[in-house]
């Protein structure tokens, strides 16, 4: 959250008209840092810094565009925010804000490239213009087979598509949603959650659908990423204390987008889309609340992306054993 420099003697934590990401330039932050507070007065910012020091939190103060910004480690944002909120409530004196963390996520582009390459590889392996392999026999999500223990199908089905149009659609929207989510969660973690939540969505769908049901396609994972975006929007709105209307707005937007993209022709597995989105929201909440610090860690993002690939390969290995 940031404030309007023209306001004075106002506490803006509950003012929905002035909430916005901190304008402090991200390139001046280290990869594990976040802006947690800003004020017009140097003394006010220094007082807040002393407060944080008194509870054992390290911080630094930086001037920018006639304001002073207090910067802490991303791992300390939650504790610092609560202490500042309490202090400002008891000592209101000027325009101040507790800022939402400015997370410098890494690997969004790399994650999208990895996703696209995997989709194109399996497209080549199965397409008539490629190797024309019938991988659906081993990899399709078949409800009866999944219920009987062939759990690998919940993941292998994500790599298969009916035709070029089906593949192209999931490539475009998967890349778009993946890029957006990667800017918050990090590219590697986004792809790992897409595989896990997509697989869980297929598992849930296997029990929702009749035993004879069969489906393929990355759309379950694509809608899982959409669920991650909804979870992120909800958590961000809640952290900024923007009121019920703004908290439910991202949920409504996600449902509208689902209604536009998730309900198609007779071959569209709507329940798979719903299940994928629900699992994406659930896993996204966990990541957003407990793994925020991963977003800026290059090593963790690389490891997460590698884990997504290993999980996919392990599923296909199980399919052919």
C-alpha atoms as a PDB file:
ATOM      1  CA  UNK A   1       0.000   0.000   0.000  1.00  0.00           C
ATOM      2  CA  UNK A   2       1.138   3.514  -0.564  1.00  0.00           C
ATOM      3  CA  UNK A   3      -0.153   6.866   0.431  1.00  0.00           C
ATOM      4  CA  UNK A   4      -1.011  10.185  -1.152  1.00  0.00           C
ATOM      5  CA  UNK A   5       1.640  12.734  -0.300  1.00  0.00           C
ATOM      6  CA  UNK A   6      -0.969  15.530  -0.189  1.00  0.00           C
ATOM      7  CA  UNK A   7      -2.804  14.015   2.775  1.00  0.00           C
ATOM      8  CA  UNK A   8      -1.800  14.918   6.340  1.00  0.00           C
ATOM      9  CA  UNK A   9      -2.734  13.506   9.740  1.00  0.00           C
ATOM     10  CA  UNK A  10      -4.595  10.593   8.145  1.00  0.00           C
ATOM     11  CA  UNK A  11      -4.132   6.925   8.732  1.00  0.00           C
ATOM     12  CA  UNK A  12      -4.841   5.338   5.364  1.00  0.00           C
ATOM     13  CA  UNK A  13      -4.921   1.630   6.158  1.00  0.00           C
ATOM     14  CA  UNK A  14      -8.712   1.551   5.837  1.00  0.00           C
ATOM     15  CA  UNK A  15      -9.135   4.043   3.005  1.00  0.00           C
ATOM     16  CA  UNK A  16      -9.898   2.044  -0.194  1.00  0.00           C
ATOM     17  CA  UNK A  17      -9.423   5.154  -2.349  1.00  0.00           C
ATOM     18  CA  UNK A  18      -5.693   5.477  -1.849  1.00  0.00           C
ATOM     19  CA  UNK A  19      -4.440   1.912  -1.648  1.00  0.00           C
ATOM     20  CA  UNK A  20      -1.809   1.035  -4.242  1.00  0.00           C
ATOM     21  CA  UNK A  21       1.515  -0.806  -4.519  1.00  0.00           C
ATOM     22  CA  UNK A  22       4.438   1.105  -3.053  1.00  0.00           C
ATOM     23  CA  UNK A  23       6.004   3.453  -5.668  1.00  0.00           C
ATOM     24  CA  UNK A  24       9.483   2.763  -4.281  1.00  0.00           C
ATOM     25  CA  UNK A  25      11.561   1.434  -7.235  1.00  0.00           C
ATOM     26  CA  UNK A  26      12.051  -2.330  -7.100  1.00  0.00           C
ATOM     27  CA  UNK A  27      15.570  -2.093  -8.574  1.00  0.00           C
ATOM     28  CA  UNK A  28      16.679  -0.405  -5.341  1.00  0.00           C
ATOM     29  CA  UNK A  29      15.573  -3.411  -3.302  1.00  0.00           C
ATOM     30  CA  UNK A  30      17.625  -6.531  -2.736  1.00  0.00           C
ATOM     31  CA  UNK A  31      16.008  -9.761  -3.881  1.00  0.00           C
ATOM     32  CA  UNK A  32      14.875 -10.645  -0.339  1.00  0.00           C
ATOM     33  CA  UNK A  33      13.650  -7.186   0.706  1.00  0.00           C
ATOM     34  CA  UNK A  34      10.254  -5.477   0.818  1.00  0.00           C
ATOM     35  CA  UNK A  35       8.941  -1.994   1.617  1.00  0.00           C
ATOM     36  CA  UNK A  36       6.886  -2.202   4.800  1.00  0.00           C
ATOM     37  CA  UNK A  37       6.225   1.459   5.691  1.00  0.00           C
ATOM     38  CA  UNK A  38       6.460   4.981   4.273  1.00  0.00           C
ATOM     39  CA  UNK A  39       5.931   8.490   5.609  1.00  0.00           C
ATOM     40  CA  UNK A  40       6.480  12.138   4.685  1.00  0.00           C
ATOM     41  CA  UNK A  41       8.418  12.769   7.899  1.00  0.00           C
ATOM     42  CA  UNK A  42      11.928  11.471   8.334  1.00  0.00           C
ATOM     43  CA  UNK A  43      11.371  11.514  12.110  1.00  0.00           C
ATOM     44  CA  UNK A  44       8.205   9.403  11.795  1.00  0.00           C
ATOM     45  CA  UNK A  45       9.997   6.803   9.699  1.00  0.00           C
ATOM     46  CA  UNK A  46      12.954   6.823  12.098  1.00  0.00           C
ATOM     47  CA  UNK A  47      10.599   6.282  15.058  1.00  0.00           C
ATOM     48  CA  UNK A  48       9.076   3.254  13.340  1.00  0.00           C
ATOM     49  CA  UNK A  49      12.561   1.955  12.600  1.00  0.00           C
ATOM     50  CA  UNK A  50      13.458   2.241  16.297  1.00  0.00           C
ATOM     51  CA  UNK A  51      10.286   0.322  17.109  1.00  0.00           C
ATOM     52  CA  UNK A  52      11.347  -2.522  14.830  1.00  0.00           C
ATOM     53  CA  UNK A  53      14.874  -2.479  16.241  1.00  0.00           C
ATOM     54  CA  UNK A  54      13.446  -2.803  19.744  1.00  0.00           C
ATOM     55  CA  UNK A  55      11.801  -6.118  18.831  1.00  0.00           C
ATOM     56  CA  UNK A  56      14.916  -7.428  17.100  1.00  0.00           C
ATOM     57  CA  UNK A  57      14.081  -6.699  13.450  1.00  0.00           C
ATOM     58  CA  UNK A  58      16.725  -5.121  11.228  1.00  0.00           C
ATOM     59  CA  UNK A  59      15.666  -2.488   8.684  1.00  0.00           C
ATOM     60  CA  UNK A  60      16.953   0.383   6.591  1.00  0.00           C
ATOM     61  CA  UNK A  61      15.465   3.762   5.651  1.00  0.00           C
ATOM     62  CA  UNK A  62      15.595   5.168   2.108  1.00  0.00           C
ATOM     63  CA  UNK A  63      14.346   8.527   0.755  1.00  0.00           C
ATOM     64  CA  UNK A  64      12.425   8.643  -2.531  1.00  0.00           C
ATOM     65  CA  UNK A  65      10.300  11.397  -4.085  1.00  0.00           C
ATOM     66  CA  UNK A  66       9.853  13.471  -0.919  1.00  0.00           C
ATOM     67  CA  UNK A  67       8.985  10.454   1.236  1.00  0.00           C
ATOM     68  CA  UNK A  68      10.929   8.069   3.430  1.00  0.00           C
ATOM     69  CA  UNK A  69      10.600   4.310   3.039  1.00  0.00           C
ATOM     70  CA  UNK A  70      11.339   1.633   5.584  1.00  0.00           C
ATOM     71  CA  UNK A  71      12.662  -1.614   4.121  1.00  0.00           C
ATOM     72  CA  UNK A  72      12.882  -5.003   5.834  1.00  0.00           C
ATOM     73  CA  UNK A  73      13.596  -8.590   4.920  1.00  0.00           C
ATOM     74  CA  UNK A  74      10.628 -10.323   3.234  1.00  0.00           C
ATOM     75  CA  UNK A  75      10.653 -12.907   6.009  1.00  0.00           C
ATOM     76  CA  UNK A  76      10.011 -10.114   8.544  1.00  0.00           C
ATOM     77  CA  UNK A  77       7.153  -8.408   6.679  1.00  0.00           C
ATOM     78  CA  UNK A  78       4.369 -10.115   8.640  1.00  0.00           C
ATOM     79  CA  UNK A  79       5.774  -9.346  12.098  1.00  0.00           C
ATOM     80  CA  UNK A  80       6.838  -5.817  11.125  1.00  0.00           C
ATOM     81  CA  UNK A  81       3.439  -5.053   9.625  1.00  0.00           C
ATOM     82  CA  UNK A  82       1.591  -6.114  12.751  1.00  0.00           C
ATOM     83  CA  UNK A  83       3.851  -4.063  15.018  1.00  0.00           C
ATOM     84  CA  UNK A  84       3.570  -0.978  12.804  1.00  0.00           C
ATOM     85  CA  UNK A  85      -0.198  -1.348  12.543  1.00  0.00           C
ATOM     86  CA  UNK A  86      -0.488  -1.486  16.332  1.00  0.00           C
ATOM     87  CA  UNK A  87       1.856   1.473  16.807  1.00  0.00           C
ATOM     88  CA  UNK A  88       0.101   3.663  14.226  1.00  0.00           C
ATOM     89  CA  UNK A  89      -3.295   2.862  15.748  1.00  0.00           C
ATOM     90  CA  UNK A  90      -2.072   4.104  19.117  1.00  0.00           C
ATOM     91  CA  UNK A  91       0.027   7.006  17.804  1.00  0.00           C
ATOM     92  CA  UNK A  92      -1.650   8.547  14.729  1.00  0.00           C
ATOM     93  CA  UNK A  93       0.204  11.660  13.646  1.00  0.00           C
ATOM     94  CA  UNK A  94       0.434  11.811   9.861  1.00  0.00           C
ATOM     95  CA  UNK A  95      -0.142  10.041   6.611  1.00  0.00           C
ATOM     96  CA  UNK A  96       1.413   6.594   6.933  1.00  0.00           C
ATOM     97  CA  UNK A  97       0.825   3.140   5.511  1.00  0.00           C
ATOM     98  CA  UNK A  98       1.756  -0.422   6.125  1.00  0.00           C
ATOM     99  CA  UNK A  99       2.749  -1.493   2.641  1.00  0.00           C
ATOM    100  CA  UNK A 100       1.980  -4.761   0.967  1.00  0.00           C
ATOM    101  CA  UNK A 101       5.251  -6.632   0.338  1.00  0.00           C
ATOM    102  CA  UNK A 102       6.997  -5.622  -2.901  1.00  0.00           C
ATOM    103  CA  UNK A 103       8.114  -9.093  -3.934  1.00  0.00           C
ATOM    104  CA  UNK A 104      10.782  -9.242  -6.606  1.00  0.00           C
ATOM    105  CA  UNK A 105       9.740 -12.620  -8.069  1.00  0.00           C
ATOM    106  CA  UNK A 106      12.111 -14.349 -10.481  1.00  0.00           C
ATOM    107  CA  UNK A 107      11.809 -16.857 -13.299  1.00  0.00           C
ATOM    108  CA  UNK A 108       8.357 -16.003 -14.691  1.00  0.00           C
ATOM    109  CA  UNK A 109       9.610 -16.021 -18.276  1.00  0.00           C
ATOM    110  CA  UNK A 110      11.701 -19.148 -17.771  1.00  0.00           C
ATOM    111  CA  UNK A 111       8.714 -20.971 -16.302  1.00  0.00           C
ATOM    112  CA  UNK A 112       6.560 -20.105 -19.309  1.00  0.00           C
ATOM    113  CA  UNK A 113       9.295 -21.235 -21.704  1.00  0.00           C
ATOM    114  CA  UNK A 114       9.606 -24.554 -19.856  1.00  0.00           C
ATOM    115  CA  UNK A 115       5.834 -25.077 -19.926  1.00  0.00           C
ATOM    116  CA  UNK A 116       5.674 -24.287 -23.648  1.00  0.00           C
ATOM    117  CA  UNK A 117       8.531 -26.638 -24.514  1.00  0.00           C
ATOM    118  CA  UNK A 118       6.918 -29.553 -22.662  1.00  0.00           C
ATOM    119  CA  UNK A 119       3.562 -28.927 -24.350  1.00  0.00           C
ATOM    120  CA  UNK A 120       5.180 -28.685 -27.799  1.00  0.00           C
ATOM    121  CA  UNK A 121       7.248 -31.826 -27.200  1.00  0.00           C
ATOM    122  CA  UNK A 122       4.188 -33.919 -26.397  1.00  0.00           C
ATOM    123  CA  UNK A 123       2.333 -32.254 -29.235  1.00  0.00           C
ATOM    124  CA  UNK A 124       5.054 -33.437 -31.620  1.00  0.00           C
ATOM    125  CA  UNK A 125       5.029 -36.945 -30.146  1.00  0.00           C
ATOM    126  CA  UNK A 126       1.271 -37.370 -30.576  1.00  0.00           C
ATOM    127  CA  UNK A 127       0.311 -35.220 -33.582  1.00  0.00           C
ATOM    128  CA  UNK A 128      -0.300 -36.713 -37.064  1.00  0.00           C
ATOM    129  CA  UNK A 129       2.312 -34.314 -38.441  1.00  0.00           C
ATOM    130  CA  UNK A 130       4.762 -35.535 -35.791  1.00  0.00           C
ATOM    131  CA  UNK A 131       5.447 -39.051 -34.527  1.00  0.00           C
ATOM    132  CA  UNK A 132       1.705 -39.852 -34.225  1.00  0.00           C
ATOM    133  CA  UNK A 133       2.116 -41.931 -31.049  1.00  0.00           C
ATOM    134  CA  UNK A 134      -1.022 -43.057 -29.238  1.00  0.00           C
ATOM    135  CA  UNK A 135       0.041 -41.972 -25.747  1.00  0.00           C
ATOM    136  CA  UNK A 136      -3.555 -41.507 -24.631  1.00  0.00           C
ATOM    137  CA  UNK A 137      -3.829 -45.254 -24.098  1.00  0.00           C
ATOM    138  CA  UNK A 138      -1.311 -44.998 -21.256  1.00  0.00           C
ATOM    139  CA  UNK A 139      -1.734 -41.382 -20.212  1.00  0.00           C
ATOM    140  CA  UNK A 140      -5.377 -40.290 -20.468  1.00  0.00           C
ATOM    141  CA  UNK A 141      -7.283 -39.511 -17.288  1.00  0.00           C
ATOM    142  CA  UNK A 142      -9.687 -42.463 -17.139  1.00  0.00           C
ATOM    143  CA  UNK A 143     -11.900 -42.296 -14.071  1.00  0.00           C
ATOM    144  CA  UNK A 144     -12.138 -46.050 -13.528  1.00  0.00           C
ATOM    145  CA  UNK A 145      -8.373 -46.515 -13.941  1.00  0.00           C
ATOM    146  CA  UNK A 146      -7.550 -43.658 -11.567  1.00  0.00           C
ATOM    147  CA  UNK A 147      -9.947 -45.003  -8.961  1.00  0.00           C
ATOM    148  CA  UNK A 148      -8.279 -48.402  -9.243  1.00  0.00           C
ATOM    149  CA  UNK A 149      -4.879 -46.911  -8.408  1.00  0.00           C
ATOM    150  CA  UNK A 150      -3.381 -45.631 -11.676  1.00  0.00           C
ATOM    151  CA  UNK A 151      -2.758 -42.224 -10.148  1.00  0.00           C
ATOM    152  CA  UNK A 152      -0.078 -41.262 -12.673  1.00  0.00           C
ATOM    153  CA  UNK A 153      -2.870 -40.616 -15.194  1.00  0.00           C
ATOM    154  CA  UNK A 154      -3.851 -37.493 -13.251  1.00  0.00           C
ATOM    155  CA  UNK A 155      -0.526 -35.932 -14.318  1.00  0.00           C
ATOM    156  CA  UNK A 156       0.175 -37.565 -17.685  1.00  0.00           C
ATOM    157  CA  UNK A 157      -3.227 -36.424 -18.965  1.00  0.00           C
ATOM    158  CA  UNK A 158      -2.048 -32.816 -18.593  1.00  0.00           C
ATOM    159  CA  UNK A 159       0.488 -33.310 -21.414  1.00  0.00           C
ATOM    160  CA  UNK A 160      -1.903 -34.715 -24.034  1.00  0.00           C
ATOM    161  CA  UNK A 161      -4.270 -32.906 -26.417  1.00  0.00           C
ATOM    162  CA  UNK A 162      -6.952 -33.860 -28.889  1.00  0.00           C
ATOM    163  CA  UNK A 163      -5.731 -31.707 -31.793  1.00  0.00           C
ATOM    164  CA  UNK A 164      -3.679 -28.649 -32.731  1.00  0.00           C
ATOM    165  CA  UNK A 165      -6.467 -26.251 -31.740  1.00  0.00           C
ATOM    166  CA  UNK A 166      -6.728 -27.821 -28.286  1.00  0.00           C
ATOM    167  CA  UNK A 167      -2.961 -27.596 -27.848  1.00  0.00           C
ATOM    168  CA  UNK A 168      -2.766 -24.003 -29.128  1.00  0.00           C
ATOM    169  CA  UNK A 169      -5.468 -22.802 -26.750  1.00  0.00           C
ATOM    170  CA  UNK A 170      -3.739 -24.284 -23.713  1.00  0.00           C
ATOM    171  CA  UNK A 171      -0.376 -22.963 -24.889  1.00  0.00           C
ATOM    172  CA  UNK A 172      -1.652 -19.391 -25.182  1.00  0.00           C
ATOM    173  CA  UNK A 173      -3.676 -19.226 -21.982  1.00  0.00           C
ATOM    174  CA  UNK A 174      -1.192 -21.339 -20.026  1.00  0.00           C
ATOM    175  CA  UNK A 175       1.622 -18.979 -21.031  1.00  0.00           C
ATOM    176  CA  UNK A 176      -0.465 -15.883 -20.234  1.00  0.00           C
ATOM    177  CA  UNK A 177      -1.655 -17.053 -16.817  1.00  0.00           C
ATOM    178  CA  UNK A 178       1.749 -18.578 -16.073  1.00  0.00           C
ATOM    179  CA  UNK A 179       3.504 -15.284 -16.752  1.00  0.00           C
ATOM    180  CA  UNK A 180       1.083 -13.374 -14.521  1.00  0.00           C
ATOM    181  CA  UNK A 181       1.313 -15.894 -11.676  1.00  0.00           C
ATOM    182  CA  UNK A 182       5.082 -16.185 -12.074  1.00  0.00           C
ATOM    183  CA  UNK A 183       5.472 -12.498 -11.283  1.00  0.00           C
ATOM    184  CA  UNK A 184       4.083 -13.163  -7.815  1.00  0.00           C
ATOM    185  CA  UNK A 185       4.947 -16.788  -7.019  1.00  0.00           C
ATOM    186  CA  UNK A 186       8.059 -17.138  -9.191  1.00  0.00           C
ATOM    187  CA  UNK A 187       8.240 -19.103 -12.429  1.00  0.00           C
ATOM    188  CA  UNK A 188       9.434 -22.421 -11.036  1.00  0.00           C
ATOM    189  CA  UNK A 189       6.955 -22.556  -8.178  1.00  0.00           C
ATOM    190  CA  UNK A 190       4.121 -21.606 -10.540  1.00  0.00           C
ATOM    191  CA  UNK A 191       4.896 -24.559 -12.790  1.00  0.00           C
ATOM    192  CA  UNK A 192       5.234 -26.944  -9.847  1.00  0.00           C
ATOM    193  CA  UNK A 193       1.881 -25.834  -8.453  1.00  0.00           C
ATOM    194  CA  UNK A 194       0.355 -26.154 -11.929  1.00  0.00           C
ATOM    195  CA  UNK A 195       1.416 -29.812 -12.073  1.00  0.00           C
ATOM    196  CA  UNK A 196       0.416 -30.603  -8.480  1.00  0.00           C
ATOM    197  CA  UNK A 197      -2.879 -28.706  -8.479  1.00  0.00           C
ATOM    198  CA  UNK A 198      -3.649 -29.870 -12.009  1.00  0.00           C
ATOM    199  CA  UNK A 199      -3.068 -33.470 -10.938  1.00  0.00           C
ATOM    200  CA  UNK A 200      -5.204 -33.007  -7.831  1.00  0.00           C
ATOM    201  CA  UNK A 201      -7.899 -31.463 -10.011  1.00  0.00           C
ATOM    202  CA  UNK A 202      -7.881 -34.519 -12.258  1.00  0.00           C
ATOM    203  CA  UNK A 203      -7.974 -36.784  -9.213  1.00  0.00           C
ATOM    204  CA  UNK A 204     -11.030 -34.968  -7.871  1.00  0.00           C
ATOM    205  CA  UNK A 205     -12.613 -35.053 -11.321  1.00  0.00           C
ATOM    206  CA  UNK A 206     -12.116 -38.830 -11.515  1.00  0.00           C
ATOM    207  CA  UNK A 207     -14.443 -39.205  -8.548  1.00  0.00           C
ATOM    208  CA  UNK A 208     -16.889 -36.551  -9.745  1.00  0.00           C
ATOM    209  CA  UNK A 209     -17.310 -38.123 -13.184  1.00  0.00           C
ATOM    210  CA  UNK A 210     -18.728 -41.595 -13.937  1.00  0.00           C
ATOM    211  CA  UNK A 211     -16.246 -44.506 -14.165  1.00  0.00           C
ATOM    212  CA  UNK A 212     -16.295 -44.541 -17.973  1.00  0.00           C
ATOM    213  CA  UNK A 213     -15.219 -40.903 -18.228  1.00  0.00           C
ATOM    214  CA  UNK A 214     -11.935 -40.123 -20.010  1.00  0.00           C
ATOM    215  CA  UNK A 215     -10.223 -36.786 -20.633  1.00  0.00           C
ATOM    216  CA  UNK A 216      -6.914 -35.226 -21.668  1.00  0.00           C
ATOM    217  CA  UNK A 217      -5.504 -31.717 -21.812  1.00  0.00           C
ATOM    218  CA  UNK A 218      -3.471 -29.153 -19.904  1.00  0.00           C
ATOM    219  CA  UNK A 219      -6.563 -27.029 -19.273  1.00  0.00           C
ATOM    220  CA  UNK A 220      -6.927 -28.480 -15.766  1.00  0.00           C
ATOM    221  CA  UNK A 221      -3.452 -27.111 -14.985  1.00  0.00           C
ATOM    222  CA  UNK A 222      -4.217 -23.837 -16.803  1.00  0.00           C
ATOM    223  CA  UNK A 223      -7.267 -23.312 -14.618  1.00  0.00           C
ATOM    224  CA  UNK A 224      -5.192 -24.262 -11.577  1.00  0.00           C
ATOM    225  CA  UNK A 225      -2.925 -21.315 -12.438  1.00  0.00           C
ATOM    226  CA  UNK A 226      -6.020 -19.133 -12.745  1.00  0.00           C
ATOM    227  CA  UNK A 227      -6.917 -20.335  -9.242  1.00  0.00           C
ATOM    228  CA  UNK A 228      -3.468 -19.236  -8.056  1.00  0.00           C
ATOM    229  CA  UNK A 229      -4.144 -15.757  -9.426  1.00  0.00           C
ATOM    230  CA  UNK A 230      -7.469 -15.622  -7.586  1.00  0.00           C
ATOM    231  CA  UNK A 231      -5.771 -16.710  -4.347  1.00  0.00           C
ATOM    232  CA  UNK A 232      -3.074 -14.058  -4.788  1.00  0.00           C
ATOM    233  CA  UNK A 233      -5.623 -11.313  -5.456  1.00  0.00           C
ATOM    234  CA  UNK A 234      -7.656 -12.314  -2.425  1.00  0.00           C
ATOM    235  CA  UNK A 235      -4.642 -12.431  -0.082  1.00  0.00           C
ATOM    236  CA  UNK A 236      -3.295  -9.129  -1.417  1.00  0.00           C
ATOM    237  CA  UNK A 237      -6.671  -7.414  -0.992  1.00  0.00           C
ATOM    238  CA  UNK A 238      -6.987  -8.824   2.531  1.00  0.00           C
ATOM    239  CA  UNK A 239      -3.475  -7.665   3.471  1.00  0.00           C
ATOM    240  CA  UNK A 240      -4.305  -4.169   2.269  1.00  0.00           C
ATOM    241  CA  UNK A 241      -7.482  -4.148   4.336  1.00  0.00           C
ATOM    242  CA  UNK A 242      -9.532  -2.871   1.381  1.00  0.00           C
ATOM    243  CA  UNK A 243     -12.944  -3.974   2.624  1.00  0.00           C
ATOM    244  CA  UNK A 244     -15.259  -6.795   1.614  1.00  0.00           C
ATOM    245  CA  UNK A 245     -16.142  -5.322  -1.769  1.00  0.00           C
ATOM    246  CA  UNK A 246     -12.553  -5.251  -2.965  1.00  0.00           C
ATOM    247  CA  UNK A 247     -11.770  -8.617  -1.439  1.00  0.00           C
ATOM    248  CA  UNK A 248     -14.505 -10.401  -3.388  1.00  0.00           C
ATOM    249  CA  UNK A 249     -13.784  -8.484  -6.592  1.00  0.00           C
ATOM    250  CA  UNK A 250     -10.909 -10.791  -7.734  1.00  0.00           C
ATOM    251  CA  UNK A 251     -13.063 -13.826  -7.001  1.00  0.00           C
ATOM    252  CA  UNK A 252     -15.862 -12.442  -9.180  1.00  0.00           C
ATOM    253  CA  UNK A 253     -13.346 -11.573 -11.911  1.00  0.00           C
ATOM    254  CA  UNK A 254     -11.959 -15.122 -11.803  1.00  0.00           C
ATOM    255  CA  UNK A 255     -15.441 -16.624 -12.046  1.00  0.00           C
ATOM    256  CA  UNK A 256     -16.283 -14.386 -15.001  1.00  0.00           C
ATOM    257  CA  UNK A 257     -13.090 -15.405 -16.747  1.00  0.00           C
ATOM    258  CA  UNK A 258     -13.894 -19.029 -16.022  1.00  0.00           C
ATOM    259  CA  UNK A 259     -17.358 -18.634 -17.523  1.00  0.00           C
ATOM    260  CA  UNK A 260     -15.765 -17.203 -20.675  1.00  0.00           C
ATOM    261  CA  UNK A 261     -12.921 -19.699 -21.066  1.00  0.00           C
ATOM    262  CA  UNK A 262     -13.978 -22.774 -19.137  1.00  0.00           C
ATOM    263  CA  UNK A 263     -17.318 -23.556 -20.731  1.00  0.00           C
ATOM    264  CA  UNK A 264     -16.973 -24.529 -24.374  1.00  0.00           C
ATOM    265  CA  UNK A 265     -18.300 -27.117 -26.781  1.00  0.00           C
ATOM    266  CA  UNK A 266     -19.538 -30.635 -26.074  1.00  0.00           C
ATOM    267  CA  UNK A 267     -15.971 -31.954 -25.747  1.00  0.00           C
ATOM    268  CA  UNK A 268     -15.113 -29.479 -22.985  1.00  0.00           C
ATOM    269  CA  UNK A 269     -14.658 -31.123 -19.597  1.00  0.00           C
ATOM    270  CA  UNK A 270     -16.155 -28.342 -17.483  1.00  0.00           C
ATOM    271  CA  UNK A 271     -15.844 -30.270 -14.231  1.00  0.00           C
ATOM    272  CA  UNK A 272     -12.105 -30.724 -14.838  1.00  0.00           C
ATOM    273  CA  UNK A 273     -11.784 -26.958 -15.214  1.00  0.00           C
ATOM    274  CA  UNK A 274     -13.733 -26.371 -11.999  1.00  0.00           C
ATOM    275  CA  UNK A 275     -11.698 -28.964 -10.098  1.00  0.00           C
ATOM    276  CA  UNK A 276      -8.418 -27.545 -11.410  1.00  0.00           C
ATOM    277  CA  UNK A 277      -9.355 -24.010 -10.434  1.00  0.00           C
ATOM    278  CA  UNK A 278     -10.448 -25.075  -6.936  1.00  0.00           C
ATOM    279  CA  UNK A 279      -7.197 -26.945  -6.359  1.00  0.00           C
ATOM    280  CA  UNK A 280      -5.243 -23.970  -7.700  1.00  0.00           C
ATOM    281  CA  UNK A 281      -6.980 -21.646  -5.246  1.00  0.00           C
ATOM    282  CA  UNK A 282      -6.276 -24.037  -2.358  1.00  0.00           C
ATOM    283  CA  UNK A 283      -2.587 -24.649  -3.155  1.00  0.00           C
ATOM    284  CA  UNK A 284      -2.157 -21.001  -4.170  1.00  0.00           C
ATOM    285  CA  UNK A 285      -3.362 -19.879  -0.742  1.00  0.00           C
ATOM    286  CA  UNK A 286      -0.801 -22.121   0.941  1.00  0.00           C
ATOM    287  CA  UNK A 287       2.018 -20.776  -1.228  1.00  0.00           C
ATOM    288  CA  UNK A 288       0.895 -17.177  -0.911  1.00  0.00           C
ATOM    289  CA  UNK A 289       0.669 -17.348   2.884  1.00  0.00           C
ATOM    290  CA  UNK A 290       3.668 -19.531   3.707  1.00  0.00           C
ATOM    291  CA  UNK A 291       6.077 -19.538   0.734  1.00  0.00           C
ATOM    292  CA  UNK A 292       6.173 -15.845  -0.227  1.00  0.00           C
ATOM    293  CA  UNK A 293       9.889 -15.750   0.447  1.00  0.00           C
ATOM    294  CA  UNK A 294      10.474 -18.326  -2.294  1.00  0.00           C
ATOM    295  CA  UNK A 295       9.453 -15.909  -5.029  1.00  0.00           C
ATOM    296  CA  UNK A 296      12.782 -14.071  -5.092  1.00  0.00           C
ATOM    297  CA  UNK A 297      15.027 -17.105  -4.489  1.00  0.00           C
ATOM    298  CA  UNK A 298      16.555 -18.177  -7.797  1.00  0.00           C
ATOM    299  CA  UNK A 299      17.754 -21.507  -6.417  1.00  0.00           C
ATOM    300  CA  UNK A 300      14.359 -22.417  -4.987  1.00  0.00           C
ATOM    301  CA  UNK A 301      12.632 -21.413  -8.213  1.00  0.00           C
ATOM    302  CA  UNK A 302      15.024 -23.522 -10.260  1.00  0.00           C
ATOM    303  CA  UNK A 303      14.514 -26.444  -7.882  1.00  0.00           C
ATOM    304  CA  UNK A 304      10.737 -26.063  -8.059  1.00  0.00           C
ATOM    305  CA  UNK A 305      10.779 -26.004 -11.851  1.00  0.00           C
ATOM    306  CA  UNK A 306      13.034 -29.055 -11.886  1.00  0.00           C
ATOM    307  CA  UNK A 307      10.674 -30.816  -9.449  1.00  0.00           C
ATOM    308  CA  UNK A 308       7.759 -30.137 -11.831  1.00  0.00           C
ATOM    309  CA  UNK A 309       9.699 -31.763 -14.660  1.00  0.00           C
ATOM    310  CA  UNK A 310      10.772 -34.732 -12.512  1.00  0.00           C
ATOM    311  CA  UNK A 311       7.194 -35.240 -11.355  1.00  0.00           C
ATOM    312  CA  UNK A 312       6.022 -35.293 -14.962  1.00  0.00           C
ATOM    313  CA  UNK A 313       8.741 -37.745 -16.024  1.00  0.00           C
ATOM    314  CA  UNK A 314       8.039 -39.973 -13.007  1.00  0.00           C
ATOM    315  CA  UNK A 315       4.352 -40.100 -13.959  1.00  0.00           C
ATOM    316  CA  UNK A 316       5.156 -41.166 -17.520  1.00  0.00           C
ATOM    317  CA  UNK A 317       7.682 -43.695 -16.281  1.00  0.00           C
ATOM    318  CA  UNK A 318       4.985 -45.235 -14.080  1.00  0.00           C
ATOM    319  CA  UNK A 319       2.612 -45.273 -17.051  1.00  0.00           C
ATOM    320  CA  UNK A 320       4.934 -47.486 -19.108  1.00  0.00           C
ATOM    321  CA  UNK A 321       6.108 -49.814 -16.336  1.00  0.00           C
END
